[in-house]
């Protein structure tokens, strides 16, 4: 599981909906070398934090985060090798 940091707006939806607390939000200054994706910036406001996967192995692939991620930056590889990507509803 990963979060594409250049696309993360810091909306916190992933953290809010995750039933097993996979995500945490960290101040953007901790990611000084990450440049915001201009495609995402055209649609959404970047906030003061970015999402970070802190408990990836706990993921149960419920897909809640995948539908809530406004930056469409979450990617999950399940135990069978299938890739799941976020698509904002």
PDB file of N, CA and C in Angstrom:
ATOM      1  N   UNK A   1       0.854  -1.172   0.000  1.00  0.00           N
ATOM      2  CA  UNK A   1       0.000   0.000   0.000  1.00  0.00           C
ATOM      3  C   UNK A   1       0.893   1.225   0.000  1.00  0.00           C
ATOM      4  N   UNK A   2       0.454   2.220  -0.773  1.00  0.00           N
ATOM      5  CA  UNK A   2       1.236   3.452  -0.821  1.00  0.00           C
ATOM      6  C   UNK A   2       0.357   4.656  -1.119  1.00  0.00           C
ATOM      7  N   UNK A   3       0.875   5.812  -0.760  1.00  0.00           N
ATOM      8  CA  UNK A   3       0.243   7.087  -1.076  1.00  0.00           C
ATOM      9  C   UNK A   3       1.217   7.844  -1.973  1.00  0.00           C
ATOM     10  N   UNK A   4       0.753   8.240  -3.158  1.00  0.00           N
ATOM     11  CA  UNK A   4       1.572   9.050  -4.059  1.00  0.00           C
ATOM     12  C   UNK A   4       1.582  10.471  -3.491  1.00  0.00           C
ATOM     13  N   UNK A   5       2.627  10.805  -2.779  1.00  0.00           N
ATOM     14  CA  UNK A   5       2.688  12.064  -2.036  1.00  0.00           C
ATOM     15  C   UNK A   5       2.471  13.326  -2.876  1.00  0.00           C
ATOM     16  N   UNK A   6       2.945  13.403  -4.130  1.00  0.00           N
ATOM     17  CA  UNK A   6       2.688  14.616  -4.912  1.00  0.00           C
ATOM     18  C   UNK A   6       1.204  14.870  -5.169  1.00  0.00           C
ATOM     19  N   UNK A   7       0.387  13.822  -5.097  1.00  0.00           N
ATOM     20  CA  UNK A   7      -1.043  13.958  -5.357  1.00  0.00           C
ATOM     21  C   UNK A   7      -1.870  14.117  -4.080  1.00  0.00           C
ATOM     22  N   UNK A   8      -1.276  13.882  -2.922  1.00  0.00           N
ATOM     23  CA  UNK A   8      -2.006  13.941  -1.657  1.00  0.00           C
ATOM     24  C   UNK A   8      -2.314  15.387  -1.288  1.00  0.00           C
ATOM     25  N   UNK A   9      -3.610  15.689  -1.122  1.00  0.00           N
ATOM     26  CA  UNK A   9      -4.027  17.051  -0.777  1.00  0.00           C
ATOM     27  C   UNK A   9      -4.068  17.279   0.732  1.00  0.00           C
ATOM     28  N   UNK A  10      -3.992  16.198   1.502  1.00  0.00           N
ATOM     29  CA  UNK A  10      -4.111  16.329   2.945  1.00  0.00           C
ATOM     30  C   UNK A  10      -5.551  16.446   3.395  1.00  0.00           C
ATOM     31  N   UNK A  11      -6.476  15.961   2.582  1.00  0.00           N
ATOM     32  CA  UNK A  11      -7.909  16.097   2.895  1.00  0.00           C
ATOM     33  C   UNK A  11      -8.320  15.285   4.129  1.00  0.00           C
ATOM     34  N   UNK A  12      -7.550  14.282   4.485  1.00  0.00           N
ATOM     35  CA  UNK A  12      -7.775  13.435   5.663  1.00  0.00           C
ATOM     36  C   UNK A  12      -8.939  12.459   5.518  1.00  0.00           C
ATOM     37  N   UNK A  13      -9.536  12.388   4.335  1.00  0.00           N
ATOM     38  CA  UNK A  13     -10.645  11.446   4.156  1.00  0.00           C
ATOM     39  C   UNK A  13     -10.190  10.000   4.384  1.00  0.00           C
ATOM     40  N   UNK A  14      -9.002   9.648   3.924  1.00  0.00           N
ATOM     41  CA  UNK A  14      -8.501   8.282   4.103  1.00  0.00           C
ATOM     42  C   UNK A  14      -8.418   7.928   5.586  1.00  0.00           C
ATOM     43  N   UNK A  15      -7.870   8.839   6.349  1.00  0.00           N
ATOM     44  CA  UNK A  15      -7.735   8.608   7.788  1.00  0.00           C
ATOM     45  C   UNK A  15      -9.099   8.532   8.467  1.00  0.00           C
ATOM     46  N   UNK A  16     -10.008   9.373   8.034  1.00  0.00           N
ATOM     47  CA  UNK A  16     -11.341   9.413   8.639  1.00  0.00           C
ATOM     48  C   UNK A  16     -12.141   8.137   8.411  1.00  0.00           C
ATOM     49  N   UNK A  17     -11.996   7.519   7.241  1.00  0.00           N
ATOM     50  CA  UNK A  17     -12.825   6.348   6.914  1.00  0.00           C
ATOM     51  C   UNK A  17     -12.155   5.008   7.174  1.00  0.00           C
ATOM     52  N   UNK A  18     -10.872   4.969   7.387  1.00  0.00           N
ATOM     53  CA  UNK A  18     -10.160   3.699   7.549  1.00  0.00           C
ATOM     54  C   UNK A  18     -10.521   3.034   8.879  1.00  0.00           C
ATOM     55  N   UNK A  19     -11.092   1.824   8.824  1.00  0.00           N
ATOM     56  CA  UNK A  19     -11.501   1.150  10.059  1.00  0.00           C
ATOM     57  C   UNK A  19     -10.343   0.552  10.860  1.00  0.00           C
ATOM     58  N   UNK A  20      -9.154   0.473  10.254  1.00  0.00           N
ATOM     59  CA  UNK A  20      -8.028  -0.150  10.961  1.00  0.00           C
ATOM     60  C   UNK A  20      -6.844   0.804  11.137  1.00  0.00           C
ATOM     61  N   UNK A  21      -7.080   2.088  10.955  1.00  0.00           N
ATOM     62  CA  UNK A  21      -6.077   3.134  11.218  1.00  0.00           C
ATOM     63  C   UNK A  21      -4.759   2.948  10.471  1.00  0.00           C
ATOM     64  N   UNK A  22      -4.860   2.763   9.167  1.00  0.00           N
ATOM     65  CA  UNK A  22      -3.673   2.595   8.336  1.00  0.00           C
ATOM     66  C   UNK A  22      -2.938   3.918   8.125  1.00  0.00           C
ATOM     67  N   UNK A  23      -3.676   5.019   8.077  1.00  0.00           N
ATOM     68  CA  UNK A  23      -3.105   6.317   7.687  1.00  0.00           C
ATOM     69  C   UNK A  23      -2.874   7.248   8.872  1.00  0.00           C
ATOM     70  N   UNK A  24      -1.896   8.138   8.678  1.00  0.00           N
ATOM     71  CA  UNK A  24      -1.663   9.225   9.616  1.00  0.00           C
ATOM     72  C   UNK A  24      -1.354  10.461   8.775  1.00  0.00           C
ATOM     73  N   UNK A  25      -1.620  11.606   9.315  1.00  0.00           N
ATOM     74  CA  UNK A  25      -1.306  12.846   8.616  1.00  0.00           C
ATOM     75  C   UNK A  25      -0.077  13.472   9.238  1.00  0.00           C
ATOM     76  N   UNK A  26       0.818  13.946   8.393  1.00  0.00           N
ATOM     77  CA  UNK A  26       2.066  14.562   8.846  1.00  0.00           C
ATOM     78  C   UNK A  26       2.215  15.925   8.187  1.00  0.00           C
ATOM     79  N   UNK A  27       2.883  16.856   8.862  1.00  0.00           N
ATOM     80  CA  UNK A  27       3.082  18.194   8.292  1.00  0.00           C
ATOM     81  C   UNK A  27       3.797  18.137   6.945  1.00  0.00           C
ATOM     82  N   UNK A  28       3.349  18.954   6.032  1.00  0.00           N
ATOM     83  CA  UNK A  28       3.930  18.961   4.677  1.00  0.00           C
ATOM     84  C   UNK A  28       5.426  19.265   4.685  1.00  0.00           C
ATOM     85  N   UNK A  29       5.885  20.035   5.653  1.00  0.00           N
ATOM     86  CA  UNK A  29       7.318  20.368   5.677  1.00  0.00           C
ATOM     87  C   UNK A  29       8.200  19.138   5.892  1.00  0.00           C
ATOM     88  N   UNK A  30       7.635  18.047   6.365  1.00  0.00           N
ATOM     89  CA  UNK A  30       8.406  16.801   6.498  1.00  0.00           C
ATOM     90  C   UNK A  30       8.706  16.185   5.129  1.00  0.00           C
ATOM     91  N   UNK A  31       8.030  16.667   4.094  1.00  0.00           N
ATOM     92  CA  UNK A  31       8.188  16.141   2.746  1.00  0.00           C
ATOM     93  C   UNK A  31       8.671  17.252   1.816  1.00  0.00           C
ATOM     94  N   UNK A  32       9.718  17.938   2.229  1.00  0.00           N
ATOM     95  CA  UNK A  32      10.199  19.135   1.538  1.00  0.00           C
ATOM     96  C   UNK A  32      10.541  18.889   0.068  1.00  0.00           C
ATOM     97  N   UNK A  33      10.990  17.701  -0.286  1.00  0.00           N
ATOM     98  CA  UNK A  33      11.373  17.416  -1.667  1.00  0.00           C
ATOM     99  C   UNK A  33      10.226  17.008  -2.567  1.00  0.00           C
ATOM    100  N   UNK A  34       9.023  16.921  -2.037  1.00  0.00           N
ATOM    101  CA  UNK A  34       7.865  16.489  -2.817  1.00  0.00           C
ATOM    102  C   UNK A  34       7.187  17.706  -3.449  1.00  0.00           C
ATOM    103  N   UNK A  35       7.029  17.661  -4.763  1.00  0.00           N
ATOM    104  CA  UNK A  35       6.402  18.761  -5.502  1.00  0.00           C
ATOM    105  C   UNK A  35       4.942  18.399  -5.772  1.00  0.00           C
ATOM    106  N   UNK A  36       4.030  19.308  -5.464  1.00  0.00           N
ATOM    107  CA  UNK A  36       2.607  19.066  -5.678  1.00  0.00           C
ATOM    108  C   UNK A  36       2.291  18.845  -7.153  1.00  0.00           C
ATOM    109  N   UNK A  37       1.446  17.869  -7.412  1.00  0.00           N
ATOM    110  CA  UNK A  37       1.012  17.545  -8.765  1.00  0.00           C
ATOM    111  C   UNK A  37       0.115  18.673  -9.284  1.00  0.00           C
ATOM    112  N   UNK A  38       0.480  19.321 -10.402  1.00  0.00           N
ATOM    113  CA  UNK A  38      -0.312  20.441 -10.910  1.00  0.00           C
ATOM    114  C   UNK A  38      -1.723  20.034 -11.343  1.00  0.00           C
ATOM    115  N   UNK A  39      -1.911  18.799 -11.787  1.00  0.00           N
ATOM    116  CA  UNK A  39      -3.242  18.320 -12.185  1.00  0.00           C
ATOM    117  C   UNK A  39      -4.191  18.308 -10.990  1.00  0.00           C
ATOM    118  N   UNK A  40      -3.673  17.877  -9.841  1.00  0.00           N
ATOM    119  CA  UNK A  40      -4.480  17.857  -8.624  1.00  0.00           C
ATOM    120  C   UNK A  40      -4.682  19.285  -8.119  1.00  0.00           C
ATOM    121  N   UNK A  41      -3.655  20.097  -8.189  1.00  0.00           N
ATOM    122  CA  UNK A  41      -3.744  21.491  -7.720  1.00  0.00           C
ATOM    123  C   UNK A  41      -4.801  22.277  -8.491  1.00  0.00           C
ATOM    124  N   UNK A  42      -5.051  21.908  -9.740  1.00  0.00           N
ATOM    125  CA  UNK A  42      -6.058  22.601 -10.540  1.00  0.00           C
ATOM    126  C   UNK A  42      -7.467  22.324 -10.031  1.00  0.00           C
ATOM    127  N   UNK A  43      -7.644  21.199  -9.321  1.00  0.00           N
ATOM    128  CA  UNK A  43      -8.973  20.817  -8.836  1.00  0.00           C
ATOM    129  C   UNK A  43      -9.182  21.060  -7.351  1.00  0.00           C
ATOM    130  N   UNK A  44      -8.120  20.898  -6.551  1.00  0.00           N
ATOM    131  CA  UNK A  44      -8.264  20.913  -5.095  1.00  0.00           C
ATOM    132  C   UNK A  44      -7.218  21.802  -4.434  1.00  0.00           C
ATOM    133  N   UNK A  45      -7.506  22.194  -3.216  1.00  0.00           N
ATOM    134  CA  UNK A  45      -6.563  22.979  -2.419  1.00  0.00           C
ATOM    135  C   UNK A  45      -5.682  22.023  -1.624  1.00  0.00           C
ATOM    136  N   UNK A  46      -4.391  22.236  -1.641  1.00  0.00           N
ATOM    137  CA  UNK A  46      -3.487  21.443  -0.815  1.00  0.00           C
ATOM    138  C   UNK A  46      -3.510  22.007   0.602  1.00  0.00           C
ATOM    139  N   UNK A  47      -3.605  21.138   1.581  1.00  0.00           N
ATOM    140  CA  UNK A  47      -3.701  21.544   2.979  1.00  0.00           C
ATOM    141  C   UNK A  47      -2.341  21.442   3.668  1.00  0.00           C
ATOM    142  N   UNK A  48      -2.311  21.685   4.951  1.00  0.00           N
ATOM    143  CA  UNK A  48      -1.056  21.770   5.707  1.00  0.00           C
ATOM    144  C   UNK A  48      -0.392  20.418   5.963  1.00  0.00           C
ATOM    145  N   UNK A  49      -1.081  19.318   5.651  1.00  0.00           N
ATOM    146  CA  UNK A  49      -0.518  17.995   5.929  1.00  0.00           C
ATOM    147  C   UNK A  49      -0.628  17.091   4.706  1.00  0.00           C
ATOM    148  N   UNK A  50       0.106  15.998   4.760  1.00  0.00           N
ATOM    149  CA  UNK A  50       0.015  14.932   3.757  1.00  0.00           C
ATOM    150  C   UNK A  50      -0.280  13.634   4.502  1.00  0.00           C
ATOM    151  N   UNK A  51      -0.910  12.703   3.787  1.00  0.00           N
ATOM    152  CA  UNK A  51      -1.217  11.399   4.363  1.00  0.00           C
ATOM    153  C   UNK A  51      -0.016  10.476   4.194  1.00  0.00           C
ATOM    154  N   UNK A  52       0.165   9.625   5.173  1.00  0.00           N
ATOM    155  CA  UNK A  52       1.269   8.675   5.151  1.00  0.00           C
ATOM    156  C   UNK A  52       0.738   7.333   5.636  1.00  0.00           C
ATOM    157  N   UNK A  53       1.142   6.260   4.955  1.00  0.00           N
ATOM    158  CA  UNK A  53       0.764   4.914   5.392  1.00  0.00           C
ATOM    159  C   UNK A  53       1.662   4.548   6.563  1.00  0.00           C
ATOM    160  N   UNK A  54       1.065   4.323   7.721  1.00  0.00           N
ATOM    161  CA  UNK A  54       1.852   3.977   8.906  1.00  0.00           C
ATOM    162  C   UNK A  54       1.578   2.549   9.394  1.00  0.00           C
ATOM    163  N   UNK A  55       0.462   1.981   8.992  1.00  0.00           N
ATOM    164  CA  UNK A  55       0.114   0.610   9.395  1.00  0.00           C
ATOM    165  C   UNK A  55      -0.359  -0.187   8.190  1.00  0.00           C
ATOM    166  N   UNK A  56       0.399  -0.168   7.116  1.00  0.00           N
ATOM    167  CA  UNK A  56       0.028  -0.833   5.877  1.00  0.00           C
ATOM    168  C   UNK A  56      -0.386  -2.286   6.017  1.00  0.00           C
ATOM    169  N   UNK A  57       0.336  -3.095   6.809  1.00  0.00           N
ATOM    170  CA  UNK A  57      -0.041  -4.502   6.948  1.00  0.00           C
ATOM    171  C   UNK A  57      -1.419  -4.713   7.579  1.00  0.00           C
ATOM    172  N   UNK A  58      -1.948  -3.699   8.234  1.00  0.00           N
ATOM    173  CA  UNK A  58      -3.264  -3.812   8.863  1.00  0.00           C
ATOM    174  C   UNK A  58      -4.407  -3.661   7.855  1.00  0.00           C
ATOM    175  N   UNK A  59      -4.099  -3.200   6.638  1.00  0.00           N
ATOM    176  CA  UNK A  59      -5.120  -2.938   5.626  1.00  0.00           C
ATOM    177  C   UNK A  59      -5.929  -4.202   5.329  1.00  0.00           C
ATOM    178  N   UNK A  60      -7.253  -4.055   5.335  1.00  0.00           N
ATOM    179  CA  UNK A  60      -8.157  -5.179   5.055  1.00  0.00           C
ATOM    180  C   UNK A  60      -8.779  -5.044   3.657  1.00  0.00           C
ATOM    181  N   UNK A  61      -8.282  -4.123   2.866  1.00  0.00           N
ATOM    182  CA  UNK A  61      -8.731  -3.863   1.499  1.00  0.00           C
ATOM    183  C   UNK A  61     -10.258  -3.674   1.441  1.00  0.00           C
ATOM    184  N   UNK A  62     -10.761  -2.883   2.363  1.00  0.00           N
ATOM    185  CA  UNK A  62     -12.203  -2.583   2.382  1.00  0.00           C
ATOM    186  C   UNK A  62     -12.569  -1.569   1.300  1.00  0.00           C
ATOM    187  N   UNK A  63     -11.576  -0.856   0.796  1.00  0.00           N
ATOM    188  CA  UNK A  63     -11.700   0.120  -0.289  1.00  0.00           C
ATOM    189  C   UNK A  63     -12.331   1.446   0.126  1.00  0.00           C
ATOM    190  N   UNK A  64     -12.615   1.646   1.386  1.00  0.00           N
ATOM    191  CA  UNK A  64     -13.215   2.908   1.827  1.00  0.00           C
ATOM    192  C   UNK A  64     -12.335   4.098   1.441  1.00  0.00           C
ATOM    193  N   UNK A  65     -11.054   3.986   1.668  1.00  0.00           N
ATOM    194  CA  UNK A  65     -10.136   5.081   1.351  1.00  0.00           C
ATOM    195  C   UNK A  65     -10.071   5.340  -0.152  1.00  0.00           C
ATOM    196  N   UNK A  66     -10.208   4.296  -0.938  1.00  0.00           N
ATOM    197  CA  UNK A  66     -10.093   4.434  -2.383  1.00  0.00           C
ATOM    198  C   UNK A  66     -11.193   5.312  -2.975  1.00  0.00           C
ATOM    199  N   UNK A  67     -12.368   5.312  -2.371  1.00  0.00           N
ATOM    200  CA  UNK A  67     -13.481   6.117  -2.860  1.00  0.00           C
ATOM    201  C   UNK A  67     -13.507   7.525  -2.276  1.00  0.00           C
ATOM    202  N   UNK A  68     -12.765   7.742  -1.207  1.00  0.00           N
ATOM    203  CA  UNK A  68     -12.786   9.040  -0.524  1.00  0.00           C
ATOM    204  C   UNK A  68     -11.594   9.931  -0.848  1.00  0.00           C
ATOM    205  N   UNK A  69     -10.573   9.385  -1.463  1.00  0.00           N
ATOM    206  CA  UNK A  69      -9.323  10.111  -1.717  1.00  0.00           C
ATOM    207  C   UNK A  69      -9.486  11.108  -2.859  1.00  0.00           C
ATOM    208  N   UNK A  70      -9.549  12.404  -2.547  1.00  0.00           N
ATOM    209  CA  UNK A  70      -9.783  13.405  -3.586  1.00  0.00           C
ATOM    210  C   UNK A  70      -8.588  13.566  -4.522  1.00  0.00           C
ATOM    211  N   UNK A  71      -7.398  13.271  -4.075  1.00  0.00           N
ATOM    212  CA  UNK A  71      -6.216  13.377  -4.929  1.00  0.00           C
ATOM    213  C   UNK A  71      -5.966  12.129  -5.746  1.00  0.00           C
ATOM    214  N   UNK A  72      -6.787  11.101  -5.532  1.00  0.00           N
ATOM    215  CA  UNK A  72      -6.637   9.808  -6.207  1.00  0.00           C
ATOM    216  C   UNK A  72      -5.185   9.326  -6.135  1.00  0.00           C
ATOM    217  N   UNK A  73      -4.665   9.299  -4.911  1.00  0.00           N
ATOM    218  CA  UNK A  73      -3.249   8.991  -4.735  1.00  0.00           C
ATOM    219  C   UNK A  73      -2.962   7.689  -3.999  1.00  0.00           C
ATOM    220  N   UNK A  74      -3.988   6.905  -3.689  1.00  0.00           N
ATOM    221  CA  UNK A  74      -3.778   5.675  -2.921  1.00  0.00           C
ATOM    222  C   UNK A  74      -3.746   4.471  -3.856  1.00  0.00           C
ATOM    223  N   UNK A  75      -2.789   3.593  -3.606  1.00  0.00           N
ATOM    224  CA  UNK A  75      -2.639   2.354  -4.370  1.00  0.00           C
ATOM    225  C   UNK A  75      -2.470   1.211  -3.384  1.00  0.00           C
ATOM    226  N   UNK A  76      -3.264   0.162  -3.566  1.00  0.00           N
ATOM    227  CA  UNK A  76      -3.189  -1.019  -2.701  1.00  0.00           C
ATOM    228  C   UNK A  76      -2.934  -2.236  -3.565  1.00  0.00           C
ATOM    229  N   UNK A  77      -1.987  -3.045  -3.167  1.00  0.00           N
ATOM    230  CA  UNK A  77      -1.721  -4.325  -3.807  1.00  0.00           C
ATOM    231  C   UNK A  77      -2.185  -5.388  -2.819  1.00  0.00           C
ATOM    232  N   UNK A  78      -3.225  -6.154  -3.190  1.00  0.00           N
ATOM    233  CA  UNK A  78      -3.765  -7.131  -2.236  1.00  0.00           C
ATOM    234  C   UNK A  78      -2.945  -8.419  -2.228  1.00  0.00           C
ATOM    235  N   UNK A  79      -3.322  -9.344  -1.369  1.00  0.00           N
ATOM    236  CA  UNK A  79      -2.557 -10.581  -1.172  1.00  0.00           C
ATOM    237  C   UNK A  79      -2.532 -11.481  -2.413  1.00  0.00           C
ATOM    238  N   UNK A  80      -3.461 -11.259  -3.334  1.00  0.00           N
ATOM    239  CA  UNK A  80      -3.490 -12.046  -4.572  1.00  0.00           C
ATOM    240  C   UNK A  80      -2.787 -11.335  -5.722  1.00  0.00           C
ATOM    241  N   UNK A  81      -2.190 -10.187  -5.432  1.00  0.00           N
ATOM    242  CA  UNK A  81      -1.449  -9.441  -6.438  1.00  0.00           C
ATOM    243  C   UNK A  81      -2.278  -8.497  -7.281  1.00  0.00           C
ATOM    244  N   UNK A  82      -3.548  -8.297  -6.923  1.00  0.00           N
ATOM    245  CA  UNK A  82      -4.394  -7.359  -7.646  1.00  0.00           C
ATOM    246  C   UNK A  82      -4.129  -5.933  -7.159  1.00  0.00           C
ATOM    247  N   UNK A  83      -4.062  -5.027  -8.101  1.00  0.00           N
ATOM    248  CA  UNK A  83      -3.830  -3.626  -7.763  1.00  0.00           C
ATOM    249  C   UNK A  83      -5.165  -2.888  -7.694  1.00  0.00           C
ATOM    250  N   UNK A  84      -5.327  -2.090  -6.653  1.00  0.00           N
ATOM    251  CA  UNK A  84      -6.518  -1.264  -6.460  1.00  0.00           C
ATOM    252  C   UNK A  84      -6.056   0.183  -6.346  1.00  0.00           C
ATOM    253  N   UNK A  85      -6.680   1.069  -7.113  1.00  0.00           N
ATOM    254  CA  UNK A  85      -6.315   2.489  -7.096  1.00  0.00           C
ATOM    255  C   UNK A  85      -7.512   3.339  -6.716  1.00  0.00           C
ATOM    256  N   UNK A  86      -7.223   4.450  -6.082  1.00  0.00           N
ATOM    257  CA  UNK A  86      -8.296   5.342  -5.665  1.00  0.00           C
ATOM    258  C   UNK A  86      -8.916   6.059  -6.858  1.00  0.00           C
ATOM    259  N   UNK A  87     -10.227   6.192  -6.803  1.00  0.00           N
ATOM    260  CA  UNK A  87     -11.009   6.925  -7.804  1.00  0.00           C
ATOM    261  C   UNK A  87     -12.010   7.743  -7.009  1.00  0.00           C
ATOM    262  N   UNK A  88     -11.843   9.050  -7.023  1.00  0.00           N
ATOM    263  CA  UNK A  88     -12.686   9.916  -6.224  1.00  0.00           C
ATOM    264  C   UNK A  88     -14.130   9.852  -6.705  1.00  0.00           C
ATOM    265  N   UNK A  89     -15.038   9.668  -5.764  1.00  0.00           N
ATOM    266  CA  UNK A  89     -16.459   9.516  -6.106  1.00  0.00           C
ATOM    267  C   UNK A  89     -17.099  10.769  -6.641  1.00  0.00           C
TER     268      UNK A  89
END
